[in-house]
């Protein structure tokens, strides 16, 4: 089974890119982030015509997350991250697909830092950590997947010295990510490529993609029940080079169905 995550950076504006990639890669489950579309503007007909069922949590102009599944039912669990009833940002959706709990997330950026946006990011991390611990206690296959907006180590960022004051690389942000992993999660891509430079995002500016000046900020965290089934994974880097594409590339893993 192939599971993918893709920050599309505008699902309607980049729909042709998304559909082209779906046809090429044929993932079984897809988590999308940064839809930038209200609930009623999600392109469900085009997604259905491509062979996918979908659930989504939209928001006008910003944020937005979705889960797609090919030839499988999607049983929604929740579309809000517990812990703050007043949080109106569409950043989390959770579902059960083929016996696997899929938690699709778009973690806050946090910039400019310091400031209210960083505080919101760290509080969101705290809420995610609590939810992650609850999901682990279910003793069922769980995947936390999406754009975490954090580079966990210096290996995950081009020229780390230039990012020391950025909210994606601050020590407290990296610690928040590490603390979640330490609960008992497996960082799938880093497990498959322990010492290799792997990027999932390249800025639009300064020819970042051409220079391979990237970041690894899109992650799969696997519970122990599914980590043993991990077989392969990678980044569809070439998609970042397509015309009118997102600044992220799709990231994917393959797991045994049994």
C-alpha atoms as a PDB file:
ATOM      1  CA  UNK A   1       0.000   0.000   0.000  1.00  0.00           C
ATOM      2  CA  UNK A   2       1.322   3.402  -1.012  1.00  0.00           C
ATOM      3  CA  UNK A   3       0.593   6.354   1.274  1.00  0.00           C
ATOM      4  CA  UNK A   4       1.576   9.896   0.324  1.00  0.00           C
ATOM      5  CA  UNK A   5       1.525  13.430   1.661  1.00  0.00           C
ATOM      6  CA  UNK A   6       1.545  16.582  -0.440  1.00  0.00           C
ATOM      7  CA  UNK A   7       1.304  20.234   0.511  1.00  0.00           C
ATOM      8  CA  UNK A   8      -0.387  21.409  -2.687  1.00  0.00           C
ATOM      9  CA  UNK A   9      -0.207  25.144  -1.872  1.00  0.00           C
ATOM     10  CA  UNK A  10      -3.658  25.783  -3.342  1.00  0.00           C
ATOM     11  CA  UNK A  11      -5.720  22.796  -4.461  1.00  0.00           C
ATOM     12  CA  UNK A  12      -7.715  24.630  -7.136  1.00  0.00           C
ATOM     13  CA  UNK A  13      -4.893  26.708  -8.574  1.00  0.00           C
ATOM     14  CA  UNK A  14      -2.693  23.621  -8.840  1.00  0.00           C
ATOM     15  CA  UNK A  15      -5.382  21.046  -9.585  1.00  0.00           C
ATOM     16  CA  UNK A  16      -3.804  20.045 -12.895  1.00  0.00           C
ATOM     17  CA  UNK A  17      -0.512  19.364 -11.118  1.00  0.00           C
ATOM     18  CA  UNK A  18      -2.264  17.293  -8.452  1.00  0.00           C
ATOM     19  CA  UNK A  19      -4.232  15.250 -10.981  1.00  0.00           C
ATOM     20  CA  UNK A  20      -1.154  14.676 -13.131  1.00  0.00           C
ATOM     21  CA  UNK A  21       0.766  13.397 -10.116  1.00  0.00           C
ATOM     22  CA  UNK A  22      -2.116  11.176  -8.936  1.00  0.00           C
ATOM     23  CA  UNK A  23      -2.263   9.570 -12.373  1.00  0.00           C
ATOM     24  CA  UNK A  24       1.495   9.083 -12.458  1.00  0.00           C
ATOM     25  CA  UNK A  25       2.146   7.917  -8.881  1.00  0.00           C
ATOM     26  CA  UNK A  26      -1.157   6.141  -8.157  1.00  0.00           C
ATOM     27  CA  UNK A  27      -0.969   6.370  -4.348  1.00  0.00           C
ATOM     28  CA  UNK A  28      -3.612   4.473  -2.373  1.00  0.00           C
ATOM     29  CA  UNK A  29      -3.974   7.109   0.349  1.00  0.00           C
ATOM     30  CA  UNK A  30      -3.069  10.787   0.051  1.00  0.00           C
ATOM     31  CA  UNK A  31      -2.936  13.504   2.695  1.00  0.00           C
ATOM     32  CA  UNK A  32      -3.124  17.040   1.328  1.00  0.00           C
ATOM     33  CA  UNK A  33      -2.294  20.279   3.109  1.00  0.00           C
ATOM     34  CA  UNK A  34      -2.705  23.986   2.437  1.00  0.00           C
ATOM     35  CA  UNK A  35      -5.836  23.606   0.319  1.00  0.00           C
ATOM     36  CA  UNK A  36      -6.482  27.365   0.460  1.00  0.00           C
ATOM     37  CA  UNK A  37     -10.134  26.714  -0.376  1.00  0.00           C
ATOM     38  CA  UNK A  38     -13.381  27.031   1.587  1.00  0.00           C
ATOM     39  CA  UNK A  39     -15.323  23.857   2.289  1.00  0.00           C
ATOM     40  CA  UNK A  40     -17.677  24.262  -0.674  1.00  0.00           C
ATOM     41  CA  UNK A  41     -14.892  24.981  -3.180  1.00  0.00           C
ATOM     42  CA  UNK A  42     -12.954  21.734  -2.805  1.00  0.00           C
ATOM     43  CA  UNK A  43     -12.759  20.098  -6.282  1.00  0.00           C
ATOM     44  CA  UNK A  44     -14.463  16.890  -5.242  1.00  0.00           C
ATOM     45  CA  UNK A  45     -15.792  16.001  -8.719  1.00  0.00           C
ATOM     46  CA  UNK A  46     -12.309  16.121 -10.248  1.00  0.00           C
ATOM     47  CA  UNK A  47     -10.945  14.068  -7.344  1.00  0.00           C
ATOM     48  CA  UNK A  48     -13.740  11.516  -7.712  1.00  0.00           C
ATOM     49  CA  UNK A  49     -13.197  11.354 -11.477  1.00  0.00           C
ATOM     50  CA  UNK A  50      -9.533  10.574 -10.766  1.00  0.00           C
ATOM     51  CA  UNK A  51     -10.682   7.534  -8.785  1.00  0.00           C
ATOM     52  CA  UNK A  52     -10.497   8.849  -5.229  1.00  0.00           C
ATOM     53  CA  UNK A  53     -12.887   9.265  -2.338  1.00  0.00           C
ATOM     54  CA  UNK A  54     -12.141  12.258  -0.125  1.00  0.00           C
ATOM     55  CA  UNK A  55     -12.876  14.036   3.120  1.00  0.00           C
ATOM     56  CA  UNK A  56     -11.641  17.555   3.702  1.00  0.00           C
ATOM     57  CA  UNK A  57     -11.656  20.478   6.099  1.00  0.00           C
ATOM     58  CA  UNK A  58     -11.464  23.713   4.157  1.00  0.00           C
ATOM     59  CA  UNK A  59     -10.869  27.318   5.108  1.00  0.00           C
ATOM     60  CA  UNK A  60     -11.176  30.472   3.009  1.00  0.00           C
ATOM     61  CA  UNK A  61      -7.801  31.648   1.657  1.00  0.00           C
ATOM     62  CA  UNK A  62      -5.610  29.738   4.111  1.00  0.00           C
ATOM     63  CA  UNK A  63      -4.809  26.319   5.554  1.00  0.00           C
ATOM     64  CA  UNK A  64      -7.068  23.345   4.799  1.00  0.00           C
ATOM     65  CA  UNK A  65      -6.396  19.598   4.902  1.00  0.00           C
ATOM     66  CA  UNK A  66      -7.818  16.582   3.081  1.00  0.00           C
ATOM     67  CA  UNK A  67      -7.512  12.803   2.970  1.00  0.00           C
ATOM     68  CA  UNK A  68      -7.981  10.895  -0.303  1.00  0.00           C
ATOM     69  CA  UNK A  69      -8.353   7.133  -0.736  1.00  0.00           C
ATOM     70  CA  UNK A  70      -8.438   5.028  -3.899  1.00  0.00           C
ATOM     71  CA  UNK A  71     -10.971   2.188  -3.881  1.00  0.00           C
ATOM     72  CA  UNK A  72     -11.302   2.349  -0.095  1.00  0.00           C
ATOM     73  CA  UNK A  73     -13.841   3.811   2.294  1.00  0.00           C
ATOM     74  CA  UNK A  74     -12.863   6.715   4.529  1.00  0.00           C
ATOM     75  CA  UNK A  75     -14.401   6.765   8.001  1.00  0.00           C
ATOM     76  CA  UNK A  76     -13.874  10.227   9.475  1.00  0.00           C
ATOM     77  CA  UNK A  77     -12.919  10.333  13.161  1.00  0.00           C
ATOM     78  CA  UNK A  78     -12.464  14.057  13.760  1.00  0.00           C
ATOM     79  CA  UNK A  79     -11.605  17.240  11.882  1.00  0.00           C
ATOM     80  CA  UNK A  80     -10.266  19.214  14.824  1.00  0.00           C
ATOM     81  CA  UNK A  81      -7.224  18.709  16.987  1.00  0.00           C
ATOM     82  CA  UNK A  82      -8.466  18.443  20.585  1.00  0.00           C
ATOM     83  CA  UNK A  83      -7.334  20.930  23.194  1.00  0.00           C
ATOM     84  CA  UNK A  84      -8.624  24.307  22.022  1.00  0.00           C
ATOM     85  CA  UNK A  85     -12.298  24.700  21.173  1.00  0.00           C
ATOM     86  CA  UNK A  86     -11.709  28.277  19.967  1.00  0.00           C
ATOM     87  CA  UNK A  87      -9.123  27.307  17.355  1.00  0.00           C
ATOM     88  CA  UNK A  88     -10.826  27.933  14.002  1.00  0.00           C
ATOM     89  CA  UNK A  89      -7.867  27.123  11.748  1.00  0.00           C
ATOM     90  CA  UNK A  90      -8.312  24.103   9.474  1.00  0.00           C
ATOM     91  CA  UNK A  91      -5.123  22.191  10.160  1.00  0.00           C
ATOM     92  CA  UNK A  92      -6.106  18.657  11.194  1.00  0.00           C
ATOM     93  CA  UNK A  93      -8.279  15.803   9.996  1.00  0.00           C
ATOM     94  CA  UNK A  94      -8.270  12.187  11.164  1.00  0.00           C
ATOM     95  CA  UNK A  95      -9.800   9.093   9.620  1.00  0.00           C
ATOM     96  CA  UNK A  96      -9.828   5.306   9.631  1.00  0.00           C
ATOM     97  CA  UNK A  97      -8.931   3.696   6.301  1.00  0.00           C
ATOM     98  CA  UNK A  98      -8.469  -0.040   5.849  1.00  0.00           C
ATOM     99  CA  UNK A  99      -7.744  -0.494   9.553  1.00  0.00           C
ATOM    100  CA  UNK A 100      -5.201   2.344   9.729  1.00  0.00           C
ATOM    101  CA  UNK A 101      -5.759   5.608  11.584  1.00  0.00           C
ATOM    102  CA  UNK A 102      -4.513   8.423   9.350  1.00  0.00           C
ATOM    103  CA  UNK A 103      -3.974  11.797  11.029  1.00  0.00           C
ATOM    104  CA  UNK A 104      -3.346  14.445   8.359  1.00  0.00           C
ATOM    105  CA  UNK A 105      -1.911  17.672   9.731  1.00  0.00           C
ATOM    106  CA  UNK A 106      -0.633  21.076   8.706  1.00  0.00           C
ATOM    107  CA  UNK A 107       1.343  22.422  11.620  1.00  0.00           C
ATOM    108  CA  UNK A 108       1.621  26.218  11.997  1.00  0.00           C
ATOM    109  CA  UNK A 109       4.658  27.943  10.526  1.00  0.00           C
ATOM    110  CA  UNK A 110       5.371  30.076  13.597  1.00  0.00           C
ATOM    111  CA  UNK A 111       7.064  33.032  11.935  1.00  0.00           C
ATOM    112  CA  UNK A 112       7.841  35.755  12.704  1.00  0.00           C
ATOM    113  CA  UNK A 113       9.539  34.505  15.847  1.00  0.00           C
ATOM    114  CA  UNK A 114       9.427  35.330  18.644  1.00  0.00           C
ATOM    115  CA  UNK A 115       5.830  36.421  18.821  1.00  0.00           C
ATOM    116  CA  UNK A 116       2.200  35.233  18.922  1.00  0.00           C
ATOM    117  CA  UNK A 117       2.591  32.960  15.884  1.00  0.00           C
ATOM    118  CA  UNK A 118       5.441  31.042  17.516  1.00  0.00           C
ATOM    119  CA  UNK A 119       3.428  30.758  20.733  1.00  0.00           C
ATOM    120  CA  UNK A 120       0.497  29.357  18.738  1.00  0.00           C
ATOM    121  CA  UNK A 121       2.793  26.876  17.038  1.00  0.00           C
ATOM    122  CA  UNK A 122       4.226  25.588  20.312  1.00  0.00           C
ATOM    123  CA  UNK A 123       0.760  25.270  21.856  1.00  0.00           C
ATOM    124  CA  UNK A 124      -0.379  23.395  18.740  1.00  0.00           C
ATOM    125  CA  UNK A 125       2.586  21.066  19.191  1.00  0.00           C
ATOM    126  CA  UNK A 126       1.517  20.465  22.796  1.00  0.00           C
ATOM    127  CA  UNK A 127      -1.984  19.567  21.646  1.00  0.00           C
ATOM    128  CA  UNK A 128      -0.569  17.275  18.954  1.00  0.00           C
ATOM    129  CA  UNK A 129       1.658  15.555  21.505  1.00  0.00           C
ATOM    130  CA  UNK A 130      -1.340  14.848  23.717  1.00  0.00           C
ATOM    131  CA  UNK A 131      -3.354  13.511  20.786  1.00  0.00           C
ATOM    132  CA  UNK A 132      -0.397  11.433  19.588  1.00  0.00           C
ATOM    133  CA  UNK A 133      -0.081   9.816  23.003  1.00  0.00           C
ATOM    134  CA  UNK A 134      -3.789   9.004  23.002  1.00  0.00           C
ATOM    135  CA  UNK A 135      -3.535   7.433  19.558  1.00  0.00           C
ATOM    136  CA  UNK A 136      -0.565   5.315  20.626  1.00  0.00           C
ATOM    137  CA  UNK A 137      -2.574   3.972  23.551  1.00  0.00           C
ATOM    138  CA  UNK A 138      -5.089   2.485  21.078  1.00  0.00           C
ATOM    139  CA  UNK A 139      -2.532  -0.177  20.113  1.00  0.00           C
ATOM    140  CA  UNK A 140      -3.637   0.045  16.487  1.00  0.00           C
ATOM    141  CA  UNK A 141      -1.792   1.096  13.302  1.00  0.00           C
ATOM    142  CA  UNK A 142      -1.530   4.908  13.272  1.00  0.00           C
ATOM    143  CA  UNK A 143       0.252   7.341  10.968  1.00  0.00           C
ATOM    144  CA  UNK A 144       0.775  11.007  11.772  1.00  0.00           C
ATOM    145  CA  UNK A 145       1.491  12.565   8.403  1.00  0.00           C
ATOM    146  CA  UNK A 146       1.762  15.967   6.791  1.00  0.00           C
ATOM    147  CA  UNK A 147       3.591  19.267   6.806  1.00  0.00           C
ATOM    148  CA  UNK A 148       5.059  19.604  10.308  1.00  0.00           C
ATOM    149  CA  UNK A 149       6.920  22.840   9.478  1.00  0.00           C
ATOM    150  CA  UNK A 150      10.018  21.643  11.320  1.00  0.00           C
ATOM    151  CA  UNK A 151      13.440  20.446  10.240  1.00  0.00           C
ATOM    152  CA  UNK A 152      14.341  17.916  12.963  1.00  0.00           C
ATOM    153  CA  UNK A 153      18.129  17.965  12.454  1.00  0.00           C
ATOM    154  CA  UNK A 154      20.858  19.826  10.595  1.00  0.00           C
ATOM    155  CA  UNK A 155      20.779  17.062   7.979  1.00  0.00           C
ATOM    156  CA  UNK A 156      17.261  18.215   7.089  1.00  0.00           C
ATOM    157  CA  UNK A 157      18.138  21.746   6.030  1.00  0.00           C
ATOM    158  CA  UNK A 158      20.356  23.399   3.450  1.00  0.00           C
ATOM    159  CA  UNK A 159      22.857  25.651   5.241  1.00  0.00           C
ATOM    160  CA  UNK A 160      21.438  25.231   8.773  1.00  0.00           C
ATOM    161  CA  UNK A 161      23.423  28.212  10.042  1.00  0.00           C
ATOM    162  CA  UNK A 162      21.067  30.479   8.083  1.00  0.00           C
ATOM    163  CA  UNK A 163      17.994  29.096   9.849  1.00  0.00           C
ATOM    164  CA  UNK A 164      18.945  29.335  13.501  1.00  0.00           C
ATOM    165  CA  UNK A 165      16.420  32.122  14.225  1.00  0.00           C
ATOM    166  CA  UNK A 166      13.616  30.719  12.065  1.00  0.00           C
ATOM    167  CA  UNK A 167      10.541  29.164  13.703  1.00  0.00           C
ATOM    168  CA  UNK A 168      11.012  25.996  11.633  1.00  0.00           C
ATOM    169  CA  UNK A 169      14.415  25.353  13.179  1.00  0.00           C
ATOM    170  CA  UNK A 170      14.390  26.896  16.648  1.00  0.00           C
ATOM    171  CA  UNK A 171      15.620  24.567  19.422  1.00  0.00           C
ATOM    172  CA  UNK A 172      12.245  24.581  21.184  1.00  0.00           C
ATOM    173  CA  UNK A 173      10.441  23.635  17.965  1.00  0.00           C
ATOM    174  CA  UNK A 174      12.861  20.821  17.186  1.00  0.00           C
ATOM    175  CA  UNK A 175      12.518  19.616  20.774  1.00  0.00           C
ATOM    176  CA  UNK A 176       8.727  19.563  20.452  1.00  0.00           C
ATOM    177  CA  UNK A 177       9.020  17.319  17.407  1.00  0.00           C
ATOM    178  CA  UNK A 178      11.608  15.104  19.099  1.00  0.00           C
ATOM    179  CA  UNK A 179       9.418  14.757  22.189  1.00  0.00           C
ATOM    180  CA  UNK A 180       6.559  13.415  20.064  1.00  0.00           C
ATOM    181  CA  UNK A 181       8.835  10.953  18.268  1.00  0.00           C
ATOM    182  CA  UNK A 182      10.158   9.826  21.645  1.00  0.00           C
ATOM    183  CA  UNK A 183       6.680   8.684  22.649  1.00  0.00           C
ATOM    184  CA  UNK A 184       7.287   5.671  20.429  1.00  0.00           C
ATOM    185  CA  UNK A 185       6.889   6.908  16.857  1.00  0.00           C
ATOM    186  CA  UNK A 186       9.105   6.038  13.887  1.00  0.00           C
ATOM    187  CA  UNK A 187      10.221   8.810  11.527  1.00  0.00           C
ATOM    188  CA  UNK A 188       9.694   6.772   8.364  1.00  0.00           C
ATOM    189  CA  UNK A 189      11.798   8.688   5.838  1.00  0.00           C
ATOM    190  CA  UNK A 190      14.749   9.177   8.170  1.00  0.00           C
ATOM    191  CA  UNK A 191      14.580   5.492   9.131  1.00  0.00           C
ATOM    192  CA  UNK A 192      14.820   4.526   5.464  1.00  0.00           C
ATOM    193  CA  UNK A 193      17.568   7.083   4.760  1.00  0.00           C
ATOM    194  CA  UNK A 194      19.448   7.552   8.045  1.00  0.00           C
ATOM    195  CA  UNK A 195      22.404   9.497   6.651  1.00  0.00           C
ATOM    196  CA  UNK A 196      21.174  10.942   3.362  1.00  0.00           C
ATOM    197  CA  UNK A 197      20.180  14.470   2.434  1.00  0.00           C
ATOM    198  CA  UNK A 198      16.426  14.325   1.838  1.00  0.00           C
ATOM    199  CA  UNK A 199      14.422  17.476   1.087  1.00  0.00           C
ATOM    200  CA  UNK A 200      10.668  17.923   0.571  1.00  0.00           C
ATOM    201  CA  UNK A 201      10.430  21.716   0.108  1.00  0.00           C
ATOM    202  CA  UNK A 202      12.256  24.239  -2.034  1.00  0.00           C
ATOM    203  CA  UNK A 203      11.420  27.951  -1.893  1.00  0.00           C
ATOM    204  CA  UNK A 204      10.300  29.754  -5.045  1.00  0.00           C
ATOM    205  CA  UNK A 205      13.015  32.369  -4.576  1.00  0.00           C
ATOM    206  CA  UNK A 206      16.730  32.432  -5.445  1.00  0.00           C
ATOM    207  CA  UNK A 207      16.529  29.312  -7.643  1.00  0.00           C
ATOM    208  CA  UNK A 208      16.282  27.142  -4.547  1.00  0.00           C
ATOM    209  CA  UNK A 209      15.055  24.082  -6.442  1.00  0.00           C
ATOM    210  CA  UNK A 210      17.739  24.322  -9.104  1.00  0.00           C
ATOM    211  CA  UNK A 211      20.416  24.701  -6.406  1.00  0.00           C
ATOM    212  CA  UNK A 212      18.830  21.970  -4.256  1.00  0.00           C
ATOM    213  CA  UNK A 213      18.627  24.441  -1.371  1.00  0.00           C
ATOM    214  CA  UNK A 214      15.814  22.597   0.358  1.00  0.00           C
ATOM    215  CA  UNK A 215      14.238  21.589   3.634  1.00  0.00           C
ATOM    216  CA  UNK A 216      12.724  18.355   4.961  1.00  0.00           C
ATOM    217  CA  UNK A 217       9.516  19.469   6.670  1.00  0.00           C
ATOM    218  CA  UNK A 218       6.961  16.891   5.473  1.00  0.00           C
ATOM    219  CA  UNK A 219       7.019  13.794   7.665  1.00  0.00           C
ATOM    220  CA  UNK A 220       5.500  10.372   8.350  1.00  0.00           C
ATOM    221  CA  UNK A 221       5.434   9.235  11.982  1.00  0.00           C
ATOM    222  CA  UNK A 222       4.451   5.577  12.354  1.00  0.00           C
ATOM    223  CA  UNK A 223       3.178   3.742  15.415  1.00  0.00           C
ATOM    224  CA  UNK A 224       4.920   0.478  16.272  1.00  0.00           C
ATOM    225  CA  UNK A 225       2.008  -1.554  14.872  1.00  0.00           C
ATOM    226  CA  UNK A 226       2.727  -0.273  11.361  1.00  0.00           C
ATOM    227  CA  UNK A 227       6.422   0.649  11.527  1.00  0.00           C
ATOM    228  CA  UNK A 228       7.382  -3.018  11.122  1.00  0.00           C
ATOM    229  CA  UNK A 229       5.501  -3.055   7.792  1.00  0.00           C
ATOM    230  CA  UNK A 230       7.469  -0.147   6.296  1.00  0.00           C
ATOM    231  CA  UNK A 231       9.165  -1.264   3.093  1.00  0.00           C
ATOM    232  CA  UNK A 232      10.152   1.797   1.073  1.00  0.00           C
ATOM    233  CA  UNK A 233       9.626   5.506   0.655  1.00  0.00           C
ATOM    234  CA  UNK A 234      10.865   8.606  -1.057  1.00  0.00           C
ATOM    235  CA  UNK A 235      10.202  12.056  -2.449  1.00  0.00           C
ATOM    236  CA  UNK A 236       8.781  12.678  -5.932  1.00  0.00           C
ATOM    237  CA  UNK A 237      11.270  15.490  -6.335  1.00  0.00           C
ATOM    238  CA  UNK A 238      10.662  15.955 -10.054  1.00  0.00           C
ATOM    239  CA  UNK A 239       7.114  17.198  -9.371  1.00  0.00           C
ATOM    240  CA  UNK A 240       8.627  20.319  -7.825  1.00  0.00           C
ATOM    241  CA  UNK A 241      10.083  21.071 -11.262  1.00  0.00           C
ATOM    242  CA  UNK A 242       6.736  21.043 -13.061  1.00  0.00           C
ATOM    243  CA  UNK A 243       5.162  24.260 -14.322  1.00  0.00           C
ATOM    244  CA  UNK A 244       2.943  26.124 -11.800  1.00  0.00           C
ATOM    245  CA  UNK A 245       3.733  23.552  -9.145  1.00  0.00           C
ATOM    246  CA  UNK A 246       3.753  23.731  -5.341  1.00  0.00           C
ATOM    247  CA  UNK A 247       6.914  24.638  -3.443  1.00  0.00           C
ATOM    248  CA  UNK A 248       6.629  21.195  -1.804  1.00  0.00           C
ATOM    249  CA  UNK A 249       7.104  17.830  -3.499  1.00  0.00           C
ATOM    250  CA  UNK A 250       4.965  14.766  -2.727  1.00  0.00           C
ATOM    251  CA  UNK A 251       6.449  12.389  -0.167  1.00  0.00           C
ATOM    252  CA  UNK A 252       5.436   8.729   0.030  1.00  0.00           C
ATOM    253  CA  UNK A 253       5.954   5.439   1.814  1.00  0.00           C
ATOM    254  CA  UNK A 254       4.986   1.870   0.984  1.00  0.00           C
ATOM    255  CA  UNK A 255       3.828  -0.571   3.626  1.00  0.00           C
ATOM    256  CA  UNK A 256       2.928  -4.250   3.533  1.00  0.00           C
ATOM    257  CA  UNK A 257      -0.828  -4.803   3.330  1.00  0.00           C
ATOM    258  CA  UNK A 258      -0.754  -7.759   5.717  1.00  0.00           C
END
